[in-house]
Structures are given as structure tokens and as C-alpha cells.
Amino acid sequence: MKTRLFLILLLSVSAVVVSLTAQESAPAPSAATDLSAEAAVAAANTAQTILDSLVDGGPFIMIPLALLSFVAVLLIIFYIFTIRQGTVVSDKFMNAADALIRKQDYLGLIAVCNRENECIARIVYKTLDFATKNPTASFDEVREVTEAEGTRQASILNNRISYLNDIGRIAPMVGLLGTVLGMIRAFESIGKSSGVQHMELAPGVAQALVTTAAGLIISLPALIFYSIFRGKVQKLIAELEAAMTHIMALLAAQYKRANYRASARRDNENE
């Protein structure tokens, strides 16, 4: 459906561009009007021919392809608004986390993490939740929890865009299935008819190839956008790893300070 609307819009825009060019170059207004009308009629006929070809592909195959096209468009729009740095790591959260960790206000930082919906906030929440519930845990154990949650968040980001890759791979297969089924019907009609020329097979084959073309039309944009979003996800994962390293360095410094104070307190008590 989106592909049909896009084709109609593209052909209409082409007709308008041709008509404007003709108006600028033609010496008389009447000639420009005739040329514009002819271009509009040609564009309308071309659009109608394309739509007829798509309908001839068969509803059992074209409906699934239309659904895949619709889902691909929705995913692309969704990824544009969700796959960005603000949803993974933000300067606002990092500044707040830095200040609260230096103050050793871990409960306050947990409250901040609950209010935010960023990937780094989820990682910090898991880390502090484990550290506060297990005060005797070593820093290495806390780091393992952080790394495990960081791996999980990176996997979620990668799996999210994989749906677009799946559509890019499934759509050509669905189109090829429609082509194979169409060619089977065409050959069956040839076999049942007597005295039919082989050239009469061409319209049936051409009709069957429509589904493959539709599948490729859906697959190419889906794979192109998947490649773009994959690059953005890899960049965001690198930013997430850098933020995790910064947070863990701050926590390590606080652990060393706490251990130093505890050691000094024990020494004073022994004296």
C-alpha cells in the first residue's frame, strides 16, 4: 500500500515537473497547456499500468507483501525516534550520576535511575541495587553485574533493528514464492490447452514476475535502512561502554576510599 502511494506520488510529481518545464520553454501558452495535459495523461496511464500489474500479482501474495511494506515503514519511523543518543546515554544523567556517586548518595542515584528510561540508567540501577543489597560483595562481583547488564542492553539494541533485516530477507522470498506459483499455473494452462503457441506463455510469466519485483522493492529500502541503523547502534553501544567505564571508575574510587577509611578505623581501634 505504501509502495503504491509512493509510486503514484512520484509519478504525479514527475508530471508536474514536466509541465512546469514545458511552460517555461514553450513560446505560446496554448502549446504549454497541451504539453502539460499530455504529460499528465501519460503519468496517469503509467500509474494505472503499475497498479494493474500489482493487482495482477494475486491477493494471496500481494497482501502479505503489502503488510510487510507497512510494517517496514512503521519500524523505520519508530527507529528514527528511538535509536538516538538521548535514549541510550544523556549528559544530564551522567552529570547527575557523577555528582551523586561522589557524594556517595547511592539511594538518590537509584531514585534518579527509576525516573529515567535510558540504557545507562538501567545498568546503573542494576549495579547499585546489587551493591546496596549485598554490602559485603567485592568490587569485582559488582563489576560482573554491571558487565552482564551492559551486555544485555547492547543485545536489546541489536535485536531491535534485526526485525528490519528480517523483513528485507523475507520479502524477496515471498515474492519468489508468488512467482513460482504463477509460473506453475501458467504451465498448467499451457499443458491443458491444445495447439497453443509457446509465445502465449509470456503474459503468464510476466504476471508471475510482478510478485518478485514487489518483494525486491520492499527488500531494498528495508536493508538500506537496516544498514544505517546498524551503524548508529554500534556507535551508541560504544558510547554506552564509555559511560559504563566512567561510572565504574567512580565507583572503584569510592570503594577504595571506603576501604581505606575502614582500614584506618581498625588501626585506630587496635592502638
Protein backbone atom coordinates (compact mmCIF):
# COMPACT_ATOMS: atom_id res chain seq x y z
CA MET A 1 0.00 0.00 0.00
CA LYS A 2 2.79 2.42 0.90
CA THR A 3 4.60 1.45 -2.27
CA ARG A 4 1.55 2.19 -4.38
CA LEU A 5 1.05 5.58 -2.80
CA PHE A 6 4.73 6.36 -3.24
CA LEU A 7 4.62 5.41 -6.92
CA ILE A 8 1.51 7.49 -7.54
CA LEU A 9 3.05 10.48 -5.74
CA LEU A 10 6.32 10.10 -7.64
CA LEU A 11 4.59 9.93 -10.99
CA SER A 12 2.39 12.91 -10.14
CA VAL A 13 5.41 14.98 -9.12
CA SER A 14 7.12 13.98 -12.37
CA ALA A 15 4.10 15.14 -14.32
CA VAL A 16 4.12 18.49 -12.52
CA VAL A 17 7.84 18.96 -13.17
CA VAL A 18 7.40 18.17 -16.85
CA SER A 19 4.50 20.59 -17.12
CA LEU A 20 6.44 23.41 -15.40
CA THR A 21 9.41 22.84 -17.67
CA ALA A 22 7.17 22.94 -20.71
CA GLN A 23 5.58 26.20 -19.56
CA GLU A 24 8.98 27.86 -19.24
CA SER A 25 10.30 26.65 -22.59
CA ALA A 26 7.20 26.89 -24.82
CA PRO A 27 6.63 30.15 -26.72
CA ALA A 28 2.82 30.14 -26.53
CA PRO A 29 0.51 29.44 -23.56
CA SER A 30 -1.69 27.12 -25.64
CA ALA A 31 1.26 24.87 -26.53
CA ALA A 32 2.34 24.74 -22.89
CA THR A 33 -1.19 23.73 -21.84
CA ASP A 34 -1.31 20.93 -24.41
CA LEU A 35 2.08 19.62 -23.36
CA SER A 36 1.13 19.70 -19.69
CA ALA A 37 -2.11 17.82 -20.38
CA GLU A 38 -0.29 15.18 -22.42
CA ALA A 39 2.30 14.69 -19.65
CA ALA A 40 -0.43 14.37 -17.01
CA VAL A 41 -2.30 11.81 -19.09
CA ALA A 42 0.90 9.83 -19.71
CA ALA A 43 1.74 9.85 -15.99
CA ALA A 44 -1.78 8.76 -15.08
CA ASN A 45 -1.66 5.93 -17.62
CA THR A 46 1.72 4.79 -16.30
CA ALA A 47 0.46 4.81 -12.71
CA GLN A 48 -2.63 2.87 -13.72
CA THR A 49 -0.49 0.31 -15.54
CA ILE A 50 1.72 -0.16 -12.47
CA LEU A 51 -1.30 -0.56 -10.19
CA ASP A 52 -2.85 -3.07 -12.60
CA SER A 53 0.38 -5.06 -12.60
CA LEU A 54 0.47 -5.10 -8.81
CA VAL A 55 -3.14 -6.25 -8.63
CA ASP A 56 -2.44 -8.97 -11.21
CA GLY A 57 0.20 -10.39 -8.86
CA GLY A 58 -2.57 -12.06 -6.87
CA PRO A 59 -4.10 -11.17 -3.49
CA PHE A 60 -2.67 -14.19 -1.69
CA ILE A 61 0.87 -12.93 -2.26
CA MET A 62 0.40 -9.18 -2.63
CA ILE A 63 -1.48 -8.83 0.68
CA PRO A 64 1.42 -10.31 2.72
CA LEU A 65 3.84 -8.12 0.76
CA ALA A 66 1.70 -5.06 1.49
CA LEU A 67 1.69 -5.96 5.19
CA LEU A 68 5.47 -6.36 5.17
CA SER A 69 5.79 -2.97 3.48
CA PHE A 70 3.52 -1.36 6.07
CA VAL A 71 5.45 -2.91 8.98
CA ALA A 72 8.77 -1.85 7.45
CA VAL A 73 7.61 1.78 7.21
CA LEU A 74 6.39 1.71 10.83
CA LEU A 75 9.69 0.25 12.03
CA ILE A 76 11.72 2.84 10.15
CA ILE A 77 9.71 5.68 11.69
CA PHE A 78 9.95 4.07 15.14
CA TYR A 79 13.72 3.62 14.88
CA ILE A 80 14.23 7.21 13.76
CA PHE A 81 12.72 8.45 17.03
CA THR A 82 14.09 5.79 19.40
CA ILE A 83 17.58 4.94 18.14
CA ARG A 84 19.34 8.11 19.24
CA GLN A 85 21.82 9.07 21.90
CA GLY A 86 19.21 10.54 24.25
CA THR A 87 17.59 7.13 24.69
CA VAL A 88 20.90 5.39 25.48
CA VAL A 89 23.20 7.89 27.22
CA SER A 90 22.50 11.54 28.03
CA ASP A 91 24.73 14.23 29.50
CA LYS A 92 22.01 15.11 32.01
CA PHE A 93 22.02 11.65 33.57
CA MET A 94 25.80 11.33 33.50
CA ASN A 95 26.23 14.66 35.31
CA ALA A 96 23.67 13.66 37.94
CA ALA A 97 25.25 10.22 38.40
CA ASP A 98 28.74 11.74 38.71
CA ALA A 99 27.63 14.16 41.42
CA LEU A 100 25.64 11.59 43.41
CA ILE A 101 28.38 8.95 43.30
CA ARG A 102 30.94 11.47 44.57
CA LYS A 103 28.55 12.25 47.44
CA GLN A 104 28.02 8.53 47.98
CA ASP A 105 24.28 9.13 47.70
CA TYR A 106 23.52 5.76 46.13
CA LEU A 107 19.87 5.72 47.16
CA GLY A 108 19.38 9.09 45.49
CA LEU A 109 21.01 7.76 42.32
CA ILE A 110 18.71 4.71 42.39
CA ALA A 111 15.74 7.11 42.53
CA VAL A 112 17.13 9.01 39.54
CA CYS A 113 17.56 5.73 37.63
CA ASN A 114 13.93 4.82 38.29
CA ARG A 115 12.79 8.11 36.72
CA GLU A 116 14.92 7.73 33.59
CA ASN A 117 14.40 5.29 30.72
CA GLU A 118 17.91 5.25 29.31
CA CYS A 119 20.05 2.17 28.84
CA ILE A 120 22.79 3.54 31.09
CA ALA A 121 20.19 4.23 33.80
CA ARG A 122 19.09 0.58 33.74
CA ILE A 123 22.70 -0.57 34.04
CA VAL A 124 23.45 1.76 36.94
CA TYR A 125 20.24 0.71 38.66
CA LYS A 126 21.15 -2.98 38.45
CA THR A 127 24.65 -2.23 39.70
CA LEU A 128 23.58 -0.13 42.69
CA ASP A 129 20.68 -2.40 43.54
CA PHE A 130 23.09 -5.34 43.82
CA ALA A 131 25.68 -3.30 45.73
CA THR A 132 23.19 -1.94 48.28
CA LYS A 133 21.51 -5.32 48.85
CA ASN A 134 24.87 -7.07 49.14
CA PRO A 135 27.14 -4.73 51.15
CA THR A 136 29.76 -7.44 51.65
CA ALA A 137 30.17 -8.02 47.90
CA SER A 138 33.54 -7.22 46.41
CA PHE A 139 34.03 -4.69 43.65
CA ASP A 140 34.79 -7.48 41.16
CA GLU A 141 31.37 -9.01 41.84
CA VAL A 142 29.71 -5.63 41.34
CA ARG A 143 31.62 -5.22 38.08
CA GLU A 144 30.37 -8.59 36.84
CA VAL A 145 26.77 -7.47 37.42
CA THR A 146 27.46 -4.25 35.51
CA GLU A 147 29.05 -6.06 32.56
CA ALA A 148 26.20 -8.59 32.39
CA GLU A 149 23.55 -5.88 32.31
CA GLY A 150 25.57 -3.87 29.79
CA THR A 151 25.76 -6.90 27.50
CA ARG A 152 22.00 -7.38 27.85
CA GLN A 153 21.25 -3.77 26.93
CA ALA A 154 23.56 -3.92 23.90
CA SER A 155 21.85 -7.14 22.80
CA ILE A 156 18.45 -5.45 23.09
CA LEU A 157 19.61 -2.63 20.83
CA ASN A 158 20.95 -5.06 18.22
CA ASN A 159 17.86 -7.29 18.33
CA ARG A 160 15.55 -4.30 17.96
CA ILE A 161 16.81 -3.41 14.49
CA SER A 162 17.05 -7.07 13.41
CA TYR A 163 13.31 -7.04 12.59
CA LEU A 164 14.01 -4.69 9.69
CA ASN A 165 16.69 -7.07 8.46
CA ASP A 166 14.22 -9.95 8.69
CA ILE A 167 11.70 -8.07 6.54
CA GLY A 168 14.42 -7.34 3.99
CA ARG A 169 15.16 -11.06 3.74
CA ILE A 170 11.60 -12.40 3.89
CA ALA A 171 10.01 -10.06 1.32
CA PRO A 172 12.01 -11.37 -1.70
CA MET A 173 11.25 -14.96 -0.64
CA VAL A 174 7.52 -14.22 -0.51
CA GLY A 175 7.73 -12.55 -3.91
CA LEU A 176 9.66 -15.50 -5.34
CA LEU A 177 7.01 -17.86 -3.97
CA GLY A 178 4.34 -15.89 -5.82
CA THR A 179 6.39 -16.07 -9.00
CA VAL A 180 6.83 -19.84 -8.73
CA LEU A 181 3.13 -20.37 -8.09
CA GLY A 182 2.24 -18.11 -11.02
CA MET A 183 4.54 -19.96 -13.37
CA ILE A 184 3.11 -23.29 -12.24
CA ARG A 185 -0.39 -22.07 -13.12
CA ALA A 186 0.86 -20.74 -16.46
CA PHE A 187 2.46 -24.05 -17.41
CA GLU A 188 -0.63 -25.96 -16.30
CA SER A 189 -2.80 -23.84 -18.58
CA ILE A 190 -0.40 -24.49 -21.46
CA GLY A 191 -0.46 -28.23 -20.79
CA LYS A 192 -4.26 -28.39 -20.71
CA SER A 193 -4.64 -26.41 -23.94
CA SER A 194 -4.05 -27.94 -27.35
CA GLY A 195 -2.34 -26.17 -30.20
CA VAL A 196 -1.21 -23.24 -28.07
CA GLN A 197 1.85 -21.36 -29.18
CA HIS A 198 4.73 -21.09 -26.74
CA MET A 199 4.66 -17.29 -27.00
CA GLU A 200 1.34 -17.30 -25.16
CA LEU A 201 3.28 -18.34 -22.06
CA ALA A 202 4.94 -14.89 -21.88
CA PRO A 203 1.98 -12.94 -20.36
CA GLY A 204 1.59 -15.50 -17.59
CA VAL A 205 5.31 -15.41 -16.77
CA ALA A 206 5.34 -11.61 -16.80
CA GLN A 207 2.37 -11.56 -14.44
CA ALA A 208 4.12 -14.03 -12.12
CA LEU A 209 7.29 -11.91 -12.01
CA VAL A 210 5.32 -8.99 -10.55
CA THR A 211 5.47 -10.51 -7.07
CA THR A 212 9.25 -10.89 -7.22
CA ALA A 213 9.60 -7.26 -8.28
CA ALA A 214 7.32 -6.18 -5.42
CA GLY A 215 9.36 -8.20 -2.94
CA LEU A 216 12.58 -6.59 -4.13
CA ILE A 217 11.01 -3.11 -3.93
CA ILE A 218 10.24 -3.79 -0.26
CA SER A 219 13.55 -5.51 0.49
CA LEU A 220 15.98 -2.91 -0.86
CA PRO A 221 14.82 0.07 1.28
CA ALA A 222 14.48 -2.19 4.32
CA LEU A 223 18.08 -3.43 4.01
CA ILE A 224 19.40 0.07 3.30
CA PHE A 225 17.76 1.49 6.43
CA TYR A 226 18.88 -1.55 8.42
CA SER A 227 22.48 -0.82 7.44
CA ILE A 228 22.07 2.82 8.51
CA PHE A 229 20.50 1.93 11.85
CA ARG A 230 23.10 -0.78 12.47
CA GLY A 231 25.84 1.81 12.18
CA LYS A 232 24.01 4.10 14.61
CA VAL A 233 23.50 1.25 17.08
CA GLN A 234 27.20 0.35 17.02
CA LYS A 235 28.07 3.98 17.72
CA LEU A 236 25.58 4.14 20.59
CA ILE A 237 26.93 0.90 22.07
CA ALA A 238 30.41 2.43 22.03
CA GLU A 239 29.03 5.49 23.85
CA LEU A 240 27.32 3.18 26.35
CA GLU A 241 30.55 1.30 27.03
CA ALA A 242 32.40 4.58 27.61
CA ALA A 243 29.71 5.73 30.06
CA MET A 244 29.85 2.38 31.89
CA THR A 245 33.62 2.67 32.20
CA HIS A 246 33.28 6.17 33.67
CA ILE A 247 30.66 5.06 36.21
CA MET A 248 32.68 2.03 37.25
CA ALA A 249 35.81 4.16 37.68
CA LEU A 250 33.90 6.47 40.02
CA LEU A 251 32.55 3.50 42.00
CA ALA A 252 36.02 1.96 42.19
CA ALA A 253 37.37 5.19 43.65
CA GLN A 254 34.58 5.22 46.24
CA TYR A 255 35.25 1.58 47.12
CA LYS A 256 38.94 2.31 47.63
CA ARG A 257 38.11 5.33 49.78
CA ALA A 258 35.69 3.29 51.88
CA ASN A 259 38.24 0.50 52.31
CA TYR A 260 40.92 3.00 53.27
CA ARG A 261 38.67 4.56 55.90
CA ALA A 262 37.69 1.14 57.27
CA SER A 263 41.36 0.13 57.46
CA ALA A 264 42.30 3.38 59.22
CA ARG A 265 39.43 2.92 61.67
CA ARG A 266 40.58 -0.61 62.53
CA ASP A 267 44.12 0.61 63.04
CA ASN A 268 42.91 3.31 65.44
CA GLU A 269 40.88 0.81 67.38
CA ASN A 270 43.86 -1.55 67.69
CA GLU A 271 46.05 1.24 69.01
